[in-house]
C-alpha atoms as a PDB file:
ATOM      1  CA  UNK A   1       8.039  12.145 -19.467  1.00  0.00           C
ATOM      2  CA  UNK A   2       7.426   8.481 -20.085  1.00  0.00           C
ATOM      3  CA  UNK A   3       3.845   7.623 -21.067  1.00  0.00           C
ATOM      4  CA  UNK A   4       3.796   3.915 -20.291  1.00  0.00           C
ATOM      5  CA  UNK A   5       1.407   1.819 -18.233  1.00  0.00           C
ATOM      6  CA  UNK A   6       1.657  -1.287 -16.085  1.00  0.00           C
ATOM      7  CA  UNK A   7      -1.674  -3.115 -16.063  1.00  0.00           C
ATOM      8  CA  UNK A   8      -3.160  -6.377 -14.843  1.00  0.00           C
ATOM      9  CA  UNK A   9      -5.422  -8.209 -17.240  1.00  0.00           C
ATOM     10  CA  UNK A  10      -6.432 -11.769 -18.075  1.00  0.00           C
ATOM     11  CA  UNK A  11      -5.876 -13.501 -21.379  1.00  0.00           C
ATOM     12  CA  UNK A  12      -5.779 -17.029 -19.951  1.00  0.00           C
ATOM     13  CA  UNK A  13      -6.968 -18.310 -16.578  1.00  0.00           C
ATOM     14  CA  UNK A  14      -5.589 -15.622 -14.249  1.00  0.00           C
ATOM     15  CA  UNK A  15      -4.804 -11.903 -14.117  1.00  0.00           C
ATOM     16  CA  UNK A  16      -1.154 -11.220 -14.942  1.00  0.00           C
ATOM     17  CA  UNK A  17       1.076  -8.136 -15.310  1.00  0.00           C
ATOM     18  CA  UNK A  18       1.318  -6.552 -18.740  1.00  0.00           C
ATOM     19  CA  UNK A  19       3.293  -3.558 -20.005  1.00  0.00           C
ATOM     20  CA  UNK A  20       2.039  -0.977 -22.514  1.00  0.00           C
ATOM     21  CA  UNK A  21       5.033   1.100 -23.631  1.00  0.00           C
ATOM     22  CA  UNK A  22       3.173   4.038 -25.227  1.00  0.00           C
ATOM     23  CA  UNK A  23      -0.394   5.197 -25.988  1.00  0.00           C
ATOM     24  CA  UNK A  24      -1.990   2.839 -28.479  1.00  0.00           C
ATOM     25  CA  UNK A  25       0.900   0.404 -28.162  1.00  0.00           C
ATOM     26  CA  UNK A  26       0.608  -3.340 -27.931  1.00  0.00           C
ATOM     27  CA  UNK A  27       0.702  -4.977 -24.519  1.00  0.00           C
ATOM     28  CA  UNK A  28       3.601  -7.194 -23.494  1.00  0.00           C
ATOM     29  CA  UNK A  29       2.932  -9.823 -20.821  1.00  0.00           C
ATOM     30  CA  UNK A  30       5.518  -9.718 -18.033  1.00  0.00           C
ATOM     31  CA  UNK A  31       4.363 -12.441 -15.633  1.00  0.00           C
ATOM     32  CA  UNK A  32       3.223 -15.982 -16.424  1.00  0.00           C
ATOM     33  CA  UNK A  33       2.215 -17.326 -13.016  1.00  0.00           C
ATOM     34  CA  UNK A  34      -0.303 -20.017 -12.210  1.00  0.00           C
ATOM     35  CA  UNK A  35      -1.743 -17.762  -9.510  1.00  0.00           C
ATOM     36  CA  UNK A  36      -3.585 -14.497 -10.090  1.00  0.00           C
ATOM     37  CA  UNK A  37      -1.860 -11.153  -9.615  1.00  0.00           C
ATOM     38  CA  UNK A  38      -3.913  -8.898  -7.351  1.00  0.00           C
ATOM     39  CA  UNK A  39      -2.072  -5.601  -7.642  1.00  0.00           C
ATOM     40  CA  UNK A  40       1.187  -4.136  -8.854  1.00  0.00           C
ATOM     41  CA  UNK A  41       3.325  -1.149  -7.796  1.00  0.00           C
ATOM     42  CA  UNK A  42       6.233   0.074  -9.954  1.00  0.00           C
ATOM     43  CA  UNK A  43       9.265   1.062  -7.880  1.00  0.00           C
ATOM     44  CA  UNK A  44       9.883   4.803  -8.398  1.00  0.00           C
ATOM     45  CA  UNK A  45      13.171   5.571 -10.100  1.00  0.00           C
ATOM     46  CA  UNK A  46      13.951   1.925 -10.755  1.00  0.00           C
ATOM     47  CA  UNK A  47      12.973  -0.725 -13.260  1.00  0.00           C
ATOM     48  CA  UNK A  48      11.467  -3.076 -10.700  1.00  0.00           C
ATOM     49  CA  UNK A  49       7.928  -3.896  -9.620  1.00  0.00           C
ATOM     50  CA  UNK A  50       6.329  -5.143  -6.440  1.00  0.00           C
ATOM     51  CA  UNK A  51       3.189  -7.205  -6.819  1.00  0.00           C
ATOM     52  CA  UNK A  52       0.827  -9.335  -4.770  1.00  0.00           C
ATOM     53  CA  UNK A  53      -0.283 -12.756  -5.950  1.00  0.00           C
ATOM     54  CA  UNK A  54      -2.695 -15.322  -4.530  1.00  0.00           C
ATOM     55  CA  UNK A  55      -0.056 -18.034  -4.109  1.00  0.00           C
ATOM     56  CA  UNK A  56      -1.738 -21.408  -3.850  1.00  0.00           C
ATOM     57  CA  UNK A  57      -5.216 -19.880  -3.689  1.00  0.00           C
ATOM     58  CA  UNK A  58      -7.259 -19.515  -0.498  1.00  0.00           C
ATOM     59  CA  UNK A  59      -6.422 -15.796  -0.321  1.00  0.00           C
ATOM     60  CA  UNK A  60      -2.845 -16.670   0.642  1.00  0.00           C
ATOM     61  CA  UNK A  61      -1.606 -13.363  -0.741  1.00  0.00           C
ATOM     62  CA  UNK A  62       2.170 -13.013  -1.015  1.00  0.00           C
ATOM     63  CA  UNK A  63       4.337 -10.114  -2.150  1.00  0.00           C
ATOM     64  CA  UNK A  64       6.991 -10.472  -4.833  1.00  0.00           C
ATOM     65  CA  UNK A  65       9.705  -8.296  -6.350  1.00  0.00           C
ATOM     66  CA  UNK A  66       9.909  -8.492 -10.138  1.00  0.00           C
ATOM     67  CA  UNK A  67      12.922  -7.259 -12.107  1.00  0.00           C
ATOM     68  CA  UNK A  68      11.816  -7.519 -15.757  1.00  0.00           C
ATOM     69  CA  UNK A  69      15.270  -6.615 -17.092  1.00  0.00           C
ATOM     70  CA  UNK A  70      16.936  -9.396 -15.114  1.00  0.00           C
ATOM     71  CA  UNK A  71      14.022 -11.784 -15.612  1.00  0.00           C
ATOM     72  CA  UNK A  72      13.824 -12.546 -11.882  1.00  0.00           C
ATOM     73  CA  UNK A  73      10.866 -12.779  -9.492  1.00  0.00           C
ATOM     74  CA  UNK A  74      11.548 -13.075  -5.754  1.00  0.00           C
ATOM     75  CA  UNK A  75       8.985 -13.658  -3.012  1.00  0.00           C
ATOM     76  CA  UNK A  76       9.714 -11.390  -0.036  1.00  0.00           C
ATOM     77  CA  UNK A  77       6.966 -12.605   2.336  1.00  0.00           C
ATOM     78  CA  UNK A  78       6.842 -15.855   4.298  1.00  0.00           C
ATOM     79  CA  UNK A  79       4.599 -17.925   2.006  1.00  0.00           C
ATOM     80  CA  UNK A  80       2.107 -18.618   4.804  1.00  0.00           C
ATOM     81  CA  UNK A  81       0.588 -15.345   6.000  1.00  0.00           C
ATOM     82  CA  UNK A  82      -1.836 -13.019   4.228  1.00  0.00           C
ATOM     83  CA  UNK A  83      -0.166  -9.887   2.847  1.00  0.00           C
ATOM     84  CA  UNK A  84      -1.682  -6.834   1.191  1.00  0.00           C
ATOM     85  CA  UNK A  85       0.482  -4.663  -1.036  1.00  0.00           C
ATOM     86  CA  UNK A  86       0.719  -1.014  -0.055  1.00  0.00           C
ATOM     87  CA  UNK A  87       3.096   1.643  -1.326  1.00  0.00           C
ATOM     88  CA  UNK A  88       6.684   2.412  -2.245  1.00  0.00           C
ATOM     89  CA  UNK A  89       8.280   5.465  -0.692  1.00  0.00           C
ATOM     90  CA  UNK A  90       8.793   8.364  -3.072  1.00  0.00           C
ATOM     91  CA  UNK A  91      12.425   7.498  -3.836  1.00  0.00           C
ATOM     92  CA  UNK A  92      11.729   3.781  -4.169  1.00  0.00           C
ATOM     93  CA  UNK A  93      14.013   3.063  -1.205  1.00  0.00           C
ATOM     94  CA  UNK A  94      11.310   1.465   0.970  1.00  0.00           C
ATOM     95  CA  UNK A  95       8.178  -0.626   0.524  1.00  0.00           C
ATOM     96  CA  UNK A  96       5.376  -0.848   3.089  1.00  0.00           C
ATOM     97  CA  UNK A  97       2.563  -3.380   3.331  1.00  0.00           C
ATOM     98  CA  UNK A  98       0.174  -5.068   5.765  1.00  0.00           C
ATOM     99  CA  UNK A  99       0.506  -8.660   6.989  1.00  0.00           C
ATOM    100  CA  UNK A 100      -1.118 -11.010   9.502  1.00  0.00           C
ATOM    101  CA  UNK A 101       2.172 -12.907   9.988  1.00  0.00           C
ATOM    102  CA  UNK A 102       2.265 -12.206  13.732  1.00  0.00           C
ATOM    103  CA  UNK A 103      -0.932 -14.001  14.754  1.00  0.00           C
ATOM    104  CA  UNK A 104      -2.871 -14.923  11.616  1.00  0.00           C
ATOM    105  CA  UNK A 105      -5.506 -12.264  12.303  1.00  0.00           C
ATOM    106  CA  UNK A 106      -4.356  -8.675  12.819  1.00  0.00           C
ATOM    107  CA  UNK A 107      -2.919  -6.851   9.783  1.00  0.00           C
ATOM    108  CA  UNK A 108       0.262  -5.295  11.179  1.00  0.00           C
ATOM    109  CA  UNK A 109       2.321  -2.805   9.185  1.00  0.00           C
ATOM    110  CA  UNK A 110       5.708  -3.840   7.736  1.00  0.00           C
ATOM    111  CA  UNK A 111       8.512  -1.917   6.031  1.00  0.00           C
ATOM    112  CA  UNK A 112      11.241  -3.288   3.763  1.00  0.00           C
ATOM    113  CA  UNK A 113      14.484  -1.585   2.759  1.00  0.00           C
ATOM    114  CA  UNK A 114      14.888  -2.307  -0.964  1.00  0.00           C
ATOM    115  CA  UNK A 115      18.594  -2.989  -0.408  1.00  0.00           C
ATOM    116  CA  UNK A 116      17.631  -5.954   1.814  1.00  0.00           C
ATOM    117  CA  UNK A 117      14.384  -7.478   0.484  1.00  0.00           C
ATOM    118  CA  UNK A 118      14.457 -10.372   2.979  1.00  0.00           C
ATOM    119  CA  UNK A 119      14.995  -8.056   5.952  1.00  0.00           C
ATOM    120  CA  UNK A 120      11.496  -6.594   6.360  1.00  0.00           C
ATOM    121  CA  UNK A 121      10.628  -5.395   9.865  1.00  0.00           C
ATOM    122  CA  UNK A 122       7.344  -4.910  11.656  1.00  0.00           C
ATOM    123  CA  UNK A 123       6.715  -1.178  11.861  1.00  0.00           C
ATOM    124  CA  UNK A 124       3.532  -1.278  13.931  1.00  0.00           C
ATOM    125  CA  UNK A 125       1.470  -3.919  15.700  1.00  0.00           C
ATOM    126  CA  UNK A 126      -2.229  -3.217  15.299  1.00  0.00           C
ATOM    127  CA  UNK A 127      -5.548  -4.682  16.308  1.00  0.00           C
ATOM    128  CA  UNK A 128      -7.694  -5.321  13.245  1.00  0.00           C
ATOM    129  CA  UNK A 129      -7.131  -4.001   9.723  1.00  0.00           C
ATOM    130  CA  UNK A 130      -4.642  -1.246   8.880  1.00  0.00           C
ATOM    131  CA  UNK A 131      -2.771  -0.220   5.749  1.00  0.00           C
ATOM    132  CA  UNK A 132      -0.156   2.343   4.775  1.00  0.00           C
ATOM    133  CA  UNK A 133      -1.820   4.904   2.510  1.00  0.00           C
ATOM    134  CA  UNK A 134       1.131   7.146   1.644  1.00  0.00           C
ATOM    135  CA  UNK A 135       4.664   8.195   2.567  1.00  0.00           C
ATOM    136  CA  UNK A 136       5.724  11.681   3.609  1.00  0.00           C
ATOM    137  CA  UNK A 137       7.987  13.414   1.062  1.00  0.00           C
ATOM    138  CA  UNK A 138      10.962  13.076   3.432  1.00  0.00           C
ATOM    139  CA  UNK A 139      10.127   9.368   3.978  1.00  0.00           C
ATOM    140  CA  UNK A 140      10.286   9.759   7.761  1.00  0.00           C
ATOM    141  CA  UNK A 141       6.578   9.093   8.330  1.00  0.00           C
ATOM    142  CA  UNK A 142       3.718   7.187   6.777  1.00  0.00           C
ATOM    143  CA  UNK A 143       0.027   7.969   6.799  1.00  0.00           C
ATOM    144  CA  UNK A 144      -1.917   4.841   7.722  1.00  0.00           C
ATOM    145  CA  UNK A 145      -5.640   4.090   7.664  1.00  0.00           C
ATOM    146  CA  UNK A 146      -7.257   1.887  10.310  1.00  0.00           C
ATOM    147  CA  UNK A 147     -10.370   0.105   9.031  1.00  0.00           C
ATOM    148  CA  UNK A 148     -13.234  -0.734  11.383  1.00  0.00           C
ATOM    149  CA  UNK A 149     -15.856  -0.892   8.617  1.00  0.00           C
ATOM    150  CA  UNK A 150     -16.577   0.788   5.296  1.00  0.00           C
ATOM    151  CA  UNK A 151     -18.252   3.571   7.281  1.00  0.00           C
ATOM    152  CA  UNK A 152     -15.679   3.913  10.080  1.00  0.00           C
ATOM    153  CA  UNK A 153     -11.969   4.488   9.545  1.00  0.00           C
ATOM    154  CA  UNK A 154      -9.204   6.488  11.256  1.00  0.00           C
ATOM    155  CA  UNK A 155      -6.060   8.222  10.005  1.00  0.00           C
ATOM    156  CA  UNK A 156      -2.730   7.867  11.825  1.00  0.00           C
ATOM    157  CA  UNK A 157       0.774   9.225  11.243  1.00  0.00           C
ATOM    158  CA  UNK A 158       3.538   6.751  12.112  1.00  0.00           C
ATOM    159  CA  UNK A 159       7.235   7.518  12.552  1.00  0.00           C
ATOM    160  CA  UNK A 160       9.094   5.014  10.352  1.00  0.00           C
ATOM    161  CA  UNK A 161      12.126   4.855  12.652  1.00  0.00           C
ATOM    162  CA  UNK A 162      10.422   4.146  15.975  1.00  0.00           C
ATOM    163  CA  UNK A 163       6.740   3.456  15.270  1.00  0.00           C
ATOM    164  CA  UNK A 164       5.576   6.448  17.320  1.00  0.00           C
ATOM    165  CA  UNK A 165       1.990   7.163  16.291  1.00  0.00           C
ATOM    166  CA  UNK A 166      -0.151  10.295  16.137  1.00  0.00           C
ATOM    167  CA  UNK A 167      -3.882   9.837  15.523  1.00  0.00           C
ATOM    168  CA  UNK A 168      -5.422  12.660  13.482  1.00  0.00           C
ATOM    169  CA  UNK A 169      -9.102  11.754  13.433  1.00  0.00           C
ATOM    170  CA  UNK A 170     -11.377  11.553  16.528  1.00  0.00           C
ATOM    171  CA  UNK A 171     -12.697   8.254  17.835  1.00  0.00           C
ATOM    172  CA  UNK A 172     -16.390   7.450  17.589  1.00  0.00           C
ATOM    173  CA  UNK A 173     -16.008   5.676  20.941  1.00  0.00           C
ATOM    174  CA  UNK A 174     -15.069   9.049  22.442  1.00  0.00           C
ATOM    175  CA  UNK A 175     -18.286  10.636  21.249  1.00  0.00           C
ATOM    176  CA  UNK A 176     -17.257  11.719  17.758  1.00  0.00           C
ATOM    177  CA  UNK A 177     -19.496  10.809  14.799  1.00  0.00           C
ATOM    178  CA  UNK A 178     -18.782   7.619  12.864  1.00  0.00           C
ATOM    179  CA  UNK A 179     -16.860   8.753   9.786  1.00  0.00           C
ATOM    180  CA  UNK A 180     -15.009   7.214   6.841  1.00  0.00           C
ATOM    181  CA  UNK A 181     -11.661   8.747   5.826  1.00  0.00           C
ATOM    182  CA  UNK A 182     -10.155   7.189   2.694  1.00  0.00           C
ATOM    183  CA  UNK A 183      -7.780   7.885  -0.225  1.00  0.00           C
ATOM    184  CA  UNK A 184      -5.238   9.562   2.065  1.00  0.00           C
ATOM    185  CA  UNK A 185      -2.362  11.276   0.242  1.00  0.00           C
ATOM    186  CA  UNK A 186       0.455  13.556   1.370  1.00  0.00           C
ATOM    187  CA  UNK A 187       0.941  16.993  -0.206  1.00  0.00           C
ATOM    188  CA  UNK A 188       4.152  17.600  -2.158  1.00  0.00           C
ATOM    189  CA  UNK A 189       5.446  20.052   0.471  1.00  0.00           C
ATOM    190  CA  UNK A 190       4.739  17.662   3.356  1.00  0.00           C
ATOM    191  CA  UNK A 191       2.598  20.208   5.227  1.00  0.00           C
ATOM    192  CA  UNK A 192      -0.831  18.769   4.498  1.00  0.00           C
ATOM    193  CA  UNK A 193      -2.760  15.586   3.875  1.00  0.00           C
ATOM    194  CA  UNK A 194      -5.582  15.150   1.394  1.00  0.00           C
ATOM    195  CA  UNK A 195      -8.359  12.623   1.857  1.00  0.00           C
ATOM    196  CA  UNK A 196     -11.993  12.009   1.006  1.00  0.00           C
ATOM    197  CA  UNK A 197     -14.541  11.753   3.791  1.00  0.00           C
ATOM    198  CA  UNK A 198     -18.274  11.741   4.480  1.00  0.00           C
ATOM    199  CA  UNK A 199     -17.829  13.940   7.557  1.00  0.00           C
ATOM    200  CA  UNK A 200     -20.859  16.278   7.851  1.00  0.00           C
ATOM    201  CA  UNK A 201     -22.133  15.081   4.495  1.00  0.00           C
ATOM    202  CA  UNK A 202     -24.186  12.357   2.866  1.00  0.00           C
ATOM    203  CA  UNK A 203     -21.471  12.076   0.221  1.00  0.00           C
ATOM    204  CA  UNK A 204     -17.694  11.816   0.284  1.00  0.00           C
ATOM    205  CA  UNK A 205     -15.854  15.092  -0.340  1.00  0.00           C
ATOM    206  CA  UNK A 206     -12.232  16.087  -0.830  1.00  0.00           C
ATOM    207  CA  UNK A 207     -10.599  17.610   2.262  1.00  0.00           C
ATOM    208  CA  UNK A 208      -7.200  19.125   2.969  1.00  0.00           C
ATOM    209  CA  UNK A 209      -5.895  18.608   6.510  1.00  0.00           C
ATOM    210  CA  UNK A 210      -3.245  21.103   7.640  1.00  0.00           C
ATOM    211  CA  UNK A 211      -0.591  19.240   9.654  1.00  0.00           C
ATOM    212  CA  UNK A 212       0.653  22.488  11.268  1.00  0.00           C
ATOM    213  CA  UNK A 213      -2.624  23.972  12.487  1.00  0.00           C
ATOM    214  CA  UNK A 214      -4.426  20.594  12.733  1.00  0.00           C
END
């Protein structure tokens, strides 16, 4: 397999994307923006990248597609809202992220088909902060985390086609303990989720959640 890395690091005023082709190799800078790059996600199976940059400052985070081979960078968000980069689907066909474009406050979930970068659609309207954590292997669902605070989060499964949502973790408002569930990842066979949580513990522990038996 390929043993290369995409990193963000600063050699001038702002963090930019750099490529390290092999262990011990020299870095090659790929972006030369005025604004800082906040995070980068290589597109699986393709030579492209998605990254978030603080365009114009003031936490005006935008998402861009970068094709290093073609030398092109394209902004795919509106240039006004705040957007937080999430994850590519396993095949690289879809990209999901969170954005407050609807009302300037709530971080709704959006999905883009890579064949139509300007045609992103709102997958789910939310109240507060939410983010896509991972895609199911068949790319039909996403696991999303709803953030209330660092100590209180909830895990949801969302159907990518229709936005239908199943909540997996009990609400504190319904009498359940206040719990943090983070680092949510799908198993390779699609039958389980893994996450870390402080449920019944002073410390966060690794848990496997069986999607069949619940």
